[in-house]
N, C-alpha and C. Protein backbone atom coordinates (compact mmCIF):
# COMPACT_ATOMS: atom_id res chain seq x y z
N MET A 1 8.47 70.08 13.93
CA MET A 1 8.17 68.88 14.82
C MET A 1 9.41 68.05 14.32
N SER A 2 9.75 67.43 15.78
CA SER A 2 11.05 66.53 15.56
C SER A 2 10.56 65.02 15.91
N TYR A 3 11.29 64.27 15.37
CA TYR A 3 10.85 62.84 15.50
C TYR A 3 11.95 62.54 16.29
N PRO A 4 11.75 61.39 17.17
CA PRO A 4 12.63 60.70 18.03
C PRO A 4 13.63 60.21 17.29
N LYS A 5 14.95 60.13 17.89
CA LYS A 5 16.01 59.66 17.53
C LYS A 5 15.91 58.00 17.47
N ARG A 6 16.22 57.39 16.65
CA ARG A 6 16.37 55.93 16.72
C ARG A 6 17.60 55.47 17.16
N HIS A 7 17.77 54.33 17.76
CA HIS A 7 19.02 53.81 17.86
C HIS A 7 19.64 53.13 17.14
N ILE A 8 20.49 53.21 16.34
CA ILE A 8 21.23 52.32 15.08
C ILE A 8 22.19 51.42 15.72
N SER A 9 21.90 50.23 15.43
CA SER A 9 22.79 49.32 15.76
C SER A 9 23.96 49.19 14.95
N PRO A 10 25.27 48.71 15.58
CA PRO A 10 26.45 48.77 14.59
C PRO A 10 26.37 47.32 13.44
N ASN A 11 25.39 46.56 13.46
CA ASN A 11 25.33 45.76 12.49
C ASN A 11 23.95 46.16 11.49
N ALA A 12 23.81 47.37 11.26
CA ALA A 12 22.77 48.02 10.67
C ALA A 12 22.61 47.48 9.33
N GLY A 13 23.66 47.67 8.78
CA GLY A 13 23.87 47.08 7.09
C GLY A 13 24.03 45.92 6.68
N SER A 14 24.05 44.93 7.65
CA SER A 14 24.49 43.61 7.38
C SER A 14 23.35 42.70 7.29
N ALA A 15 23.19 41.67 6.74
CA ALA A 15 22.22 40.96 6.40
C ALA A 15 21.88 39.97 7.83
N PRO A 16 20.66 39.62 7.65
CA PRO A 16 20.29 38.84 8.84
C PRO A 16 21.23 37.60 8.91
N THR A 17 21.01 37.10 10.17
CA THR A 17 21.68 35.69 10.32
C THR A 17 21.79 34.69 9.68
N SER A 18 20.39 34.31 9.12
CA SER A 18 20.01 33.20 8.35
C SER A 18 20.57 33.29 7.01
N ALA A 19 20.55 34.81 6.45
CA ALA A 19 21.05 35.13 5.15
C ALA A 19 22.58 35.03 5.16
N ARG A 20 23.10 35.54 6.32
CA ARG A 20 24.53 35.59 6.41
C ARG A 20 25.17 33.97 6.61
N LEU A 21 24.58 33.19 6.92
CA LEU A 21 24.89 31.73 6.94
C LEU A 21 24.79 31.30 5.48
N LEU A 22 23.85 31.35 4.95
CA LEU A 22 23.53 31.07 3.45
C LEU A 22 24.63 31.59 2.66
N ARG A 23 24.88 32.87 2.99
CA ARG A 23 25.95 33.34 2.20
C ARG A 23 27.45 32.55 2.36
N SER A 24 27.45 32.40 3.49
CA SER A 24 28.75 31.77 3.93
C SER A 24 28.78 30.33 3.64
N THR A 25 27.99 29.57 3.53
CA THR A 25 28.09 28.20 3.17
C THR A 25 27.90 27.88 1.83
N HIS A 26 27.12 28.44 0.95
CA HIS A 26 26.81 28.29 -0.42
C HIS A 26 28.06 28.79 -1.21
N PRO A 27 28.47 28.04 -2.04
CA PRO A 27 29.67 28.40 -3.05
C PRO A 27 29.26 29.30 -3.76
N ASP A 28 28.06 29.45 -4.62
CA ASP A 28 27.99 30.35 -5.42
C ASP A 28 27.01 31.67 -4.83
N ALA A 29 27.00 31.85 -3.59
CA ALA A 29 26.38 32.89 -2.92
C ALA A 29 26.63 34.12 -3.54
N TYR A 30 28.01 34.34 -3.80
CA TYR A 30 28.28 35.80 -4.21
C TYR A 30 27.70 36.03 -5.70
N ASN A 31 27.26 35.01 -6.50
CA ASN A 31 26.91 35.44 -7.53
C ASN A 31 25.13 35.43 -7.56
N THR A 32 24.83 34.56 -6.84
CA THR A 32 23.16 34.80 -6.71
C THR A 32 22.56 35.87 -5.71
N TYR A 33 23.37 36.38 -4.89
CA TYR A 33 22.64 37.42 -3.92
C TYR A 33 22.78 38.57 -4.75
N SER A 34 21.74 39.58 -4.22
CA SER A 34 21.81 41.01 -4.79
C SER A 34 23.26 41.79 -4.22
N GLY A 35 23.25 42.94 -4.66
CA GLY A 35 24.24 43.76 -3.98
C GLY A 35 24.16 44.37 -2.47
N PHE A 36 22.92 44.03 -1.96
CA PHE A 36 22.95 44.12 -0.62
C PHE A 36 23.69 43.05 0.11
N TYR A 37 23.71 41.82 -0.28
CA TYR A 37 24.58 40.75 0.28
C TYR A 37 25.84 40.78 -0.35
N SER A 38 26.65 41.91 -0.53
CA SER A 38 27.60 41.92 -1.26
C SER A 38 28.83 41.25 -0.40
N PRO A 39 29.80 40.74 -0.77
CA PRO A 39 30.74 39.75 -0.14
C PRO A 39 31.77 40.83 0.48
N ARG A 40 31.67 42.04 0.18
CA ARG A 40 32.37 42.93 0.87
C ARG A 40 32.20 43.13 2.38
N ARG A 41 33.22 43.40 3.06
CA ARG A 41 32.92 43.23 4.76
C ARG A 41 32.49 45.02 4.98
N SER A 42 31.65 44.98 6.00
CA SER A 42 31.61 46.14 6.29
C SER A 42 32.23 46.80 7.51
N ASN A 43 32.70 47.71 7.97
CA ASN A 43 33.70 48.28 8.82
C ASN A 43 33.16 47.76 10.05
N SER A 44 31.97 47.58 10.28
CA SER A 44 31.41 47.33 11.76
C SER A 44 31.50 45.80 12.07
N SER A 45 31.98 44.82 11.01
CA SER A 45 32.19 43.43 11.59
C SER A 45 33.60 43.45 12.32
N LYS A 46 33.49 42.75 13.43
CA LYS A 46 34.68 42.50 14.10
C LYS A 46 35.42 41.20 13.75
N ARG A 47 34.74 40.23 12.90
CA ARG A 47 35.28 39.10 12.64
C ARG A 47 36.35 39.00 11.26
N SER A 48 37.30 38.22 11.47
CA SER A 48 38.18 38.48 10.27
C SER A 48 37.65 37.22 9.30
N ALA A 49 38.27 37.27 8.18
CA ALA A 49 38.01 36.29 7.15
C ALA A 49 38.42 34.93 7.57
N SER A 50 39.57 34.83 8.17
CA SER A 50 40.05 33.73 8.71
C SER A 50 39.11 32.88 9.55
N GLU A 51 38.46 33.64 10.57
CA GLU A 51 37.81 33.19 11.56
C GLU A 51 36.39 32.73 10.86
N GLU A 52 36.02 33.29 9.82
CA GLU A 52 34.90 32.98 9.07
C GLU A 52 35.06 31.64 8.19
N ARG A 53 36.25 31.43 7.64
CA ARG A 53 36.70 30.32 7.12
C ARG A 53 36.67 29.08 8.03
N LYS A 54 37.20 29.36 9.22
CA LYS A 54 37.14 28.65 10.17
C LYS A 54 35.72 27.94 10.52
N ASP A 55 34.86 28.96 10.57
CA ASP A 55 33.39 28.46 10.79
C ASP A 55 32.82 27.79 9.90
N ILE A 56 33.09 28.20 8.59
CA ILE A 56 32.51 27.60 7.29
C ILE A 56 33.22 25.99 7.54
N ASP A 57 34.51 25.81 7.74
CA ASP A 57 35.06 24.57 7.63
C ASP A 57 34.30 23.86 8.87
N THR A 58 34.25 24.19 10.09
CA THR A 58 33.61 23.68 11.13
C THR A 58 32.03 23.33 10.73
N LEU A 59 31.48 24.25 9.93
CA LEU A 59 30.20 23.99 9.82
C LEU A 59 29.78 22.60 8.61
N ARG A 60 30.96 23.06 7.52
CA ARG A 60 31.01 21.72 6.75
C ARG A 60 31.40 20.15 7.47
N LYS A 61 32.27 20.36 8.57
CA LYS A 61 32.66 19.14 9.13
C LYS A 61 31.44 18.54 9.68
N GLU A 62 30.52 19.43 10.52
CA GLU A 62 29.23 19.01 11.09
C GLU A 62 28.58 18.67 10.18
N ALA A 63 28.30 19.07 9.03
CA ALA A 63 27.39 18.65 8.05
C ALA A 63 27.80 17.24 7.66
N LEU A 64 29.14 17.06 7.47
CA LEU A 64 29.65 15.76 6.91
C LEU A 64 29.57 14.78 7.89
N TYR A 65 29.77 15.11 9.20
CA TYR A 65 29.47 14.06 10.36
C TYR A 65 28.16 13.90 10.43
N LEU A 66 27.23 15.02 10.53
CA LEU A 66 25.81 14.42 10.39
C LEU A 66 25.18 13.73 9.27
N ARG A 67 25.62 13.85 8.07
CA ARG A 67 25.34 12.82 6.95
C ARG A 67 26.01 11.48 7.20
N ASN A 68 27.27 11.38 7.76
CA ASN A 68 27.56 9.98 8.21
C ASN A 68 26.76 9.34 9.08
N SER A 69 26.54 10.00 10.39
CA SER A 69 25.87 9.63 11.27
C SER A 69 24.29 9.27 11.00
N PHE A 70 23.83 10.09 9.89
CA PHE A 70 22.45 9.81 9.43
C PHE A 70 22.48 8.56 8.40
N ARG A 71 23.43 8.19 7.78
CA ARG A 71 23.80 7.01 6.96
C ARG A 71 23.91 5.86 7.77
N ASN A 72 24.70 5.91 8.81
CA ASN A 72 25.13 5.01 9.86
C ASN A 72 23.59 4.60 10.58
N ALA A 73 22.76 5.59 10.98
CA ALA A 73 21.58 5.24 11.58
C ALA A 73 20.69 4.81 10.70
N ILE A 74 20.54 4.85 9.30
CA ILE A 74 19.74 4.35 8.36
C ILE A 74 20.33 2.55 8.28
N GLN A 75 21.51 2.53 8.41
CA GLN A 75 22.17 1.10 8.35
C GLN A 75 21.57 0.28 9.36
N GLU A 76 21.81 1.09 10.82
CA GLU A 76 21.59 0.24 11.88
C GLU A 76 20.01 -0.04 11.84
N ILE A 77 18.92 0.75 11.33
CA ILE A 77 17.70 0.72 11.37
C ILE A 77 17.24 -0.57 10.35
N LYS A 78 17.79 -0.68 9.15
CA LYS A 78 17.64 -1.75 8.28
C LYS A 78 18.18 -2.86 8.94
N GLN A 79 19.34 -3.10 9.62
CA GLN A 79 19.95 -4.41 10.49
C GLN A 79 18.72 -4.56 11.58
N ILE A 80 18.58 -3.71 12.29
CA ILE A 80 17.31 -3.83 13.28
C ILE A 80 16.18 -4.60 12.59
N LYS A 81 15.80 -4.07 11.55
CA LYS A 81 14.47 -4.40 10.70
C LYS A 81 14.65 -5.88 10.41
N ILE A 82 15.73 -6.12 9.61
CA ILE A 82 16.18 -7.47 9.46
C ILE A 82 16.21 -8.58 10.71
N ALA A 83 16.82 -7.88 11.51
CA ALA A 83 16.68 -8.73 12.98
C ALA A 83 15.42 -9.11 13.70
N HIS A 84 14.69 -8.11 13.37
CA HIS A 84 13.17 -7.98 13.96
C HIS A 84 12.36 -9.18 13.20
N GLN A 85 12.64 -9.01 11.56
CA GLN A 85 11.97 -10.17 10.81
C GLN A 85 12.51 -11.26 11.13
N GLU A 86 13.78 -11.66 11.33
CA GLU A 86 13.99 -13.02 11.67
C GLU A 86 13.58 -13.49 13.01
N ASP A 87 13.56 -12.62 14.00
CA ASP A 87 12.98 -12.98 15.26
C ASP A 87 11.57 -13.31 14.85
N LEU A 88 10.64 -12.50 14.48
CA LEU A 88 9.18 -12.79 13.91
C LEU A 88 9.39 -14.30 13.38
N LYS A 89 9.98 -14.75 12.43
CA LYS A 89 9.92 -16.04 11.73
C LYS A 89 10.35 -16.87 12.71
N SER A 90 11.43 -16.60 13.58
CA SER A 90 11.55 -17.70 14.45
C SER A 90 10.49 -18.21 15.58
N MET A 91 9.78 -16.77 15.83
CA MET A 91 8.75 -16.84 16.83
C MET A 91 7.56 -17.58 16.40
N HIS A 92 7.40 -17.61 15.20
CA HIS A 92 6.10 -18.01 14.50
C HIS A 92 6.58 -19.70 14.20
N PHE A 93 7.83 -19.92 14.05
CA PHE A 93 8.15 -21.26 14.00
C PHE A 93 8.09 -21.98 15.39
N ALA A 94 8.26 -21.24 16.48
CA ALA A 94 8.51 -21.61 17.74
C ALA A 94 7.12 -21.90 17.93
N PHE A 95 6.21 -21.14 17.59
CA PHE A 95 4.69 -21.07 17.90
C PHE A 95 3.87 -22.62 17.37
N GLU A 96 4.55 -22.86 15.91
CA GLU A 96 3.69 -23.74 15.38
C GLU A 96 4.25 -25.01 16.06
N GLU A 97 5.63 -25.06 16.31
CA GLU A 97 6.16 -26.21 17.19
C GLU A 97 5.27 -26.38 18.46
N LEU A 98 5.02 -25.29 19.33
CA LEU A 98 4.25 -25.50 20.45
C LEU A 98 3.11 -26.02 20.11
N ARG A 99 2.32 -25.53 19.07
CA ARG A 99 0.98 -25.94 18.94
C ARG A 99 1.04 -27.44 18.52
N ARG A 100 2.13 -27.90 17.69
CA ARG A 100 2.07 -29.32 17.43
C ARG A 100 2.18 -30.17 18.75
N GLU A 101 3.01 -29.58 19.77
CA GLU A 101 3.23 -30.33 20.84
C GLU A 101 2.19 -30.30 21.68
N ILE A 102 1.39 -29.17 21.65
CA ILE A 102 -0.02 -29.20 22.22
C ILE A 102 -1.02 -30.36 22.00
N GLU A 103 -0.97 -30.34 20.64
CA GLU A 103 -2.12 -31.32 19.94
C GLU A 103 -1.69 -32.81 20.18
N THR A 104 -0.30 -32.85 20.36
CA THR A 104 0.28 -34.35 20.76
C THR A 104 -0.09 -34.65 22.25
N ILE A 105 0.00 -33.59 23.02
CA ILE A 105 -0.11 -33.80 24.39
C ILE A 105 -1.91 -33.87 24.67
N LYS A 106 -2.40 -33.33 23.86
CA LYS A 106 -4.15 -33.50 23.75
C LYS A 106 -4.36 -35.01 23.59
N PHE A 107 -3.85 -35.57 22.23
CA PHE A 107 -3.81 -36.87 21.83
C PHE A 107 -3.56 -37.84 23.08
N GLU A 108 -2.40 -37.70 23.50
CA GLU A 108 -1.91 -38.73 24.34
C GLU A 108 -2.64 -38.55 25.76
N LYS A 109 -3.46 -37.30 25.87
CA LYS A 109 -4.13 -37.32 27.17
C LYS A 109 -5.50 -38.18 26.89
N VAL A 110 -5.96 -37.96 25.66
CA VAL A 110 -7.22 -38.80 25.41
C VAL A 110 -7.33 -40.23 25.17
N GLU A 111 -5.73 -40.91 24.89
CA GLU A 111 -5.52 -42.04 24.79
C GLU A 111 -5.24 -42.74 26.27
N LYS A 112 -4.68 -41.81 26.85
CA LYS A 112 -4.44 -42.41 28.29
C LYS A 112 -5.75 -42.29 29.16
N THR A 113 -6.79 -41.55 29.10
CA THR A 113 -8.01 -41.64 29.67
C THR A 113 -8.89 -43.01 29.11
N THR A 114 -8.76 -43.12 27.75
CA THR A 114 -9.48 -44.48 27.24
C THR A 114 -8.44 -45.54 27.74
N GLN A 115 -7.52 -45.69 27.87
CA GLN A 115 -6.82 -46.83 28.63
C GLN A 115 -7.38 -47.07 29.83
N GLN A 116 -7.48 -45.94 30.50
CA GLN A 116 -7.73 -46.09 32.14
C GLN A 116 -9.40 -46.29 32.27
N ASN A 117 -10.14 -46.11 31.18
CA ASN A 117 -11.42 -46.48 31.25
C ASN A 117 -11.59 -47.77 30.78
N GLY A 118 -10.61 -48.46 30.65
CA GLY A 118 -10.91 -50.12 30.29
C GLY A 118 -10.86 -50.19 28.70
N GLY A 119 -10.62 -49.20 28.04
CA GLY A 119 -10.54 -49.55 26.54
C GLY A 119 -8.75 -49.48 26.24
N GLY A 120 -8.72 -49.47 25.09
CA GLY A 120 -7.35 -49.66 24.42
C GLY A 120 -7.11 -48.19 23.76
N SER A 121 -6.11 -48.22 22.84
CA SER A 121 -5.79 -47.19 22.39
C SER A 121 -6.80 -46.42 21.20
N ILE A 122 -6.69 -45.60 20.57
CA ILE A 122 -7.72 -44.98 19.75
C ILE A 122 -7.68 -45.62 18.57
N GLU A 123 -6.64 -46.35 18.10
CA GLU A 123 -6.70 -47.17 16.88
C GLU A 123 -7.44 -48.43 17.21
N GLU A 124 -7.11 -48.88 18.26
CA GLU A 124 -7.96 -49.95 18.66
C GLU A 124 -9.55 -49.65 18.44
N TYR A 125 -9.88 -48.99 19.24
CA TYR A 125 -11.15 -48.19 18.93
C TYR A 125 -11.74 -48.04 17.50
N THR A 126 -10.94 -47.55 16.55
CA THR A 126 -11.22 -47.31 15.33
C THR A 126 -11.34 -48.53 14.67
N LYS A 127 -10.48 -49.69 14.80
CA LYS A 127 -10.65 -51.04 14.38
C LYS A 127 -11.97 -51.87 14.82
N LEU A 128 -12.42 -51.38 16.12
CA LEU A 128 -13.52 -52.10 16.62
C LEU A 128 -14.66 -51.27 15.81
N ALA A 129 -14.48 -50.25 15.74
CA ALA A 129 -15.64 -49.33 15.24
C ALA A 129 -15.99 -50.00 13.96
N GLN A 130 -14.87 -50.24 13.05
CA GLN A 130 -15.02 -50.69 11.69
C GLN A 130 -15.68 -52.01 11.72
N GLU A 131 -15.36 -52.95 12.66
CA GLU A 131 -15.98 -54.08 12.54
C GLU A 131 -17.23 -54.15 12.91
N LEU A 132 -17.63 -53.27 13.90
CA LEU A 132 -18.96 -52.97 14.41
C LEU A 132 -19.80 -52.69 13.13
N ILE A 133 -19.29 -51.83 12.54
CA ILE A 133 -19.89 -51.33 11.33
C ILE A 133 -20.21 -52.60 10.30
N SER A 134 -19.20 -53.34 9.96
CA SER A 134 -19.26 -54.15 9.21
C SER A 134 -20.33 -55.28 9.74
N LEU A 135 -20.32 -55.55 11.18
CA LEU A 135 -21.25 -56.43 11.69
C LEU A 135 -22.62 -56.23 11.30
N ARG A 136 -22.95 -54.88 11.42
CA ARG A 136 -24.10 -54.33 11.54
C ARG A 136 -24.80 -54.49 10.34
N THR A 137 -23.70 -54.29 9.00
CA THR A 137 -24.38 -54.22 7.87
C THR A 137 -24.64 -55.70 7.34
N ASP A 138 -23.89 -56.64 8.06
CA ASP A 138 -24.12 -58.20 7.76
C ASP A 138 -25.37 -58.32 8.53
N VAL A 139 -25.78 -58.06 9.70
CA VAL A 139 -26.97 -58.27 10.53
C VAL A 139 -28.00 -57.85 9.49
N ASP A 140 -27.90 -56.74 8.96
CA ASP A 140 -29.03 -55.97 8.30
C ASP A 140 -29.23 -56.81 6.91
N ARG A 141 -28.20 -57.15 6.41
CA ARG A 141 -28.23 -57.96 4.95
C ARG A 141 -29.01 -59.22 5.46
N LEU A 142 -28.74 -59.90 6.41
CA LEU A 142 -29.31 -61.22 7.07
C LEU A 142 -30.81 -60.99 7.58
N SER A 143 -30.91 -60.04 8.38
CA SER A 143 -32.28 -59.97 8.64
C SER A 143 -33.36 -59.55 7.20
N SER A 144 -32.86 -58.76 6.29
CA SER A 144 -33.67 -58.59 5.15
C SER A 144 -33.65 -59.58 4.62
N SER A 145 -32.98 -60.41 4.29
CA SER A 145 -33.00 -61.89 3.62
C SER A 145 -33.94 -62.62 4.31
N ILE A 146 -33.74 -62.67 5.92
CA ILE A 146 -34.56 -63.50 6.51
C ILE A 146 -35.95 -62.93 6.39
N GLY A 147 -36.18 -61.78 6.41
CA GLY A 147 -37.58 -60.99 6.39
C GLY A 147 -38.14 -61.51 4.95
N LYS A 148 -37.39 -61.37 3.68
CA LYS A 148 -37.61 -61.84 2.51
C LYS A 148 -38.21 -63.32 2.51
N GLU A 149 -37.49 -64.17 3.12
CA GLU A 149 -37.72 -65.68 3.16
C GLU A 149 -38.75 -65.88 3.80
N SER A 150 -38.96 -65.15 4.94
CA SER A 150 -40.13 -65.50 5.87
C SER A 150 -41.28 -65.02 5.14
N ARG A 151 -41.22 -63.85 4.32
CA ARG A 151 -42.46 -63.40 3.71
C ARG A 151 -42.78 -64.06 2.66
N ALA A 152 -41.89 -64.85 2.03
CA ALA A 152 -41.98 -65.81 0.84
C ALA A 152 -42.72 -67.07 1.48
N SER A 153 -42.15 -67.50 2.63
CA SER A 153 -42.40 -68.86 3.45
C SER A 153 -44.14 -68.38 3.94
N ALA A 154 -44.27 -67.29 4.32
CA ALA A 154 -45.68 -67.06 4.99
C ALA A 154 -46.40 -67.05 3.60
N VAL A 155 -46.11 -66.23 2.56
CA VAL A 155 -47.14 -66.24 1.34
C VAL A 155 -47.17 -67.90 0.97
N GLN A 156 -46.01 -68.54 0.80
CA GLN A 156 -46.01 -69.91 0.53
C GLN A 156 -46.95 -70.67 1.29
N SER A 157 -46.83 -70.64 2.61
CA SER A 157 -47.79 -71.33 3.56
C SER A 157 -49.22 -71.00 3.30
N TYR A 158 -49.52 -69.55 3.19
CA TYR A 158 -50.86 -69.07 2.93
C TYR A 158 -51.31 -69.74 1.76
N GLU A 159 -50.57 -69.64 0.63
CA GLU A 159 -50.89 -70.29 -0.53
C GLU A 159 -51.49 -71.76 -0.10
N ASN A 160 -50.63 -72.26 0.43
CA ASN A 160 -50.79 -73.92 0.56
C ASN A 160 -52.03 -73.90 1.70
N PHE A 161 -52.00 -73.41 2.30
CA PHE A 161 -53.33 -73.18 3.30
C PHE A 161 -54.74 -72.96 2.58
N LEU A 162 -54.58 -72.03 1.60
CA LEU A 162 -55.81 -71.61 0.60
C LEU A 162 -55.96 -72.51 -0.23
N HIS A 163 -54.72 -73.41 -0.50
CA HIS A 163 -54.94 -74.53 -1.57
C HIS A 163 -55.63 -75.68 -0.94
N GLU A 164 -55.11 -75.89 0.47
CA GLU A 164 -56.03 -76.98 0.97
C GLU A 164 -57.45 -76.80 1.39
N LYS A 165 -57.59 -75.70 1.53
CA LYS A 165 -58.98 -75.41 1.82
C LYS A 165 -59.81 -75.43 0.62
N THR A 166 -59.29 -74.85 -0.34
CA THR A 166 -60.05 -75.03 -1.69
C THR A 166 -60.55 -76.57 -2.07
N ARG A 167 -59.19 -77.32 -1.77
CA ARG A 167 -59.40 -78.99 -2.01
C ARG A 167 -60.05 -79.41 -1.07
N GLY A 168 -60.02 -79.25 0.16
CA GLY A 168 -61.06 -79.51 1.14
C GLY A 168 -62.45 -79.48 0.95
N ARG A 169 -62.84 -78.41 0.15
CA ARG A 169 -64.36 -78.07 -0.15
C ARG A 169 -64.54 -78.85 -1.34
N GLY A 170 -63.48 -78.97 -2.26
CA GLY A 170 -64.00 -79.52 -3.53
C GLY A 170 -64.16 -81.24 -3.29
N HIS A 171 -63.77 -81.40 -2.35
CA HIS A 171 -63.92 -82.95 -2.00
C HIS A 171 -65.33 -83.28 -1.39
């Protein structure tokens, strides 16, 4: 029985691409990998050592460039975050000022409508209200004292009436 022939690639004994990259970029790769990933070159490899060194150098430069751009991006994000927080603070401050202005406009509008309706300002209304309250309390006091006096005088007049009646009978 014969088995079908397999096609053998020229890179059959070499490591996979990812392992090859690890071996080429890691400084201790020759000590950590097994003999399968030996640093010796196979005859089938068409690249020279200087070309691989150039590739390694370009990969290192790319990694350094990416690290630097990553750091720069982080710094930019921090600056954007700080600027965003400052914008939020200024917007909050502007909102509070706008709210105060709206309240003063409402107050002025109420004051204007009261003046148009024949009244004075709100301060005058508060003074008048206080005077009205004090006058009402004075009236209440006077009415209660008048009520007491009238009751006392009514009682007195009734006693006088009773006294005269009893006096008139006794005569």
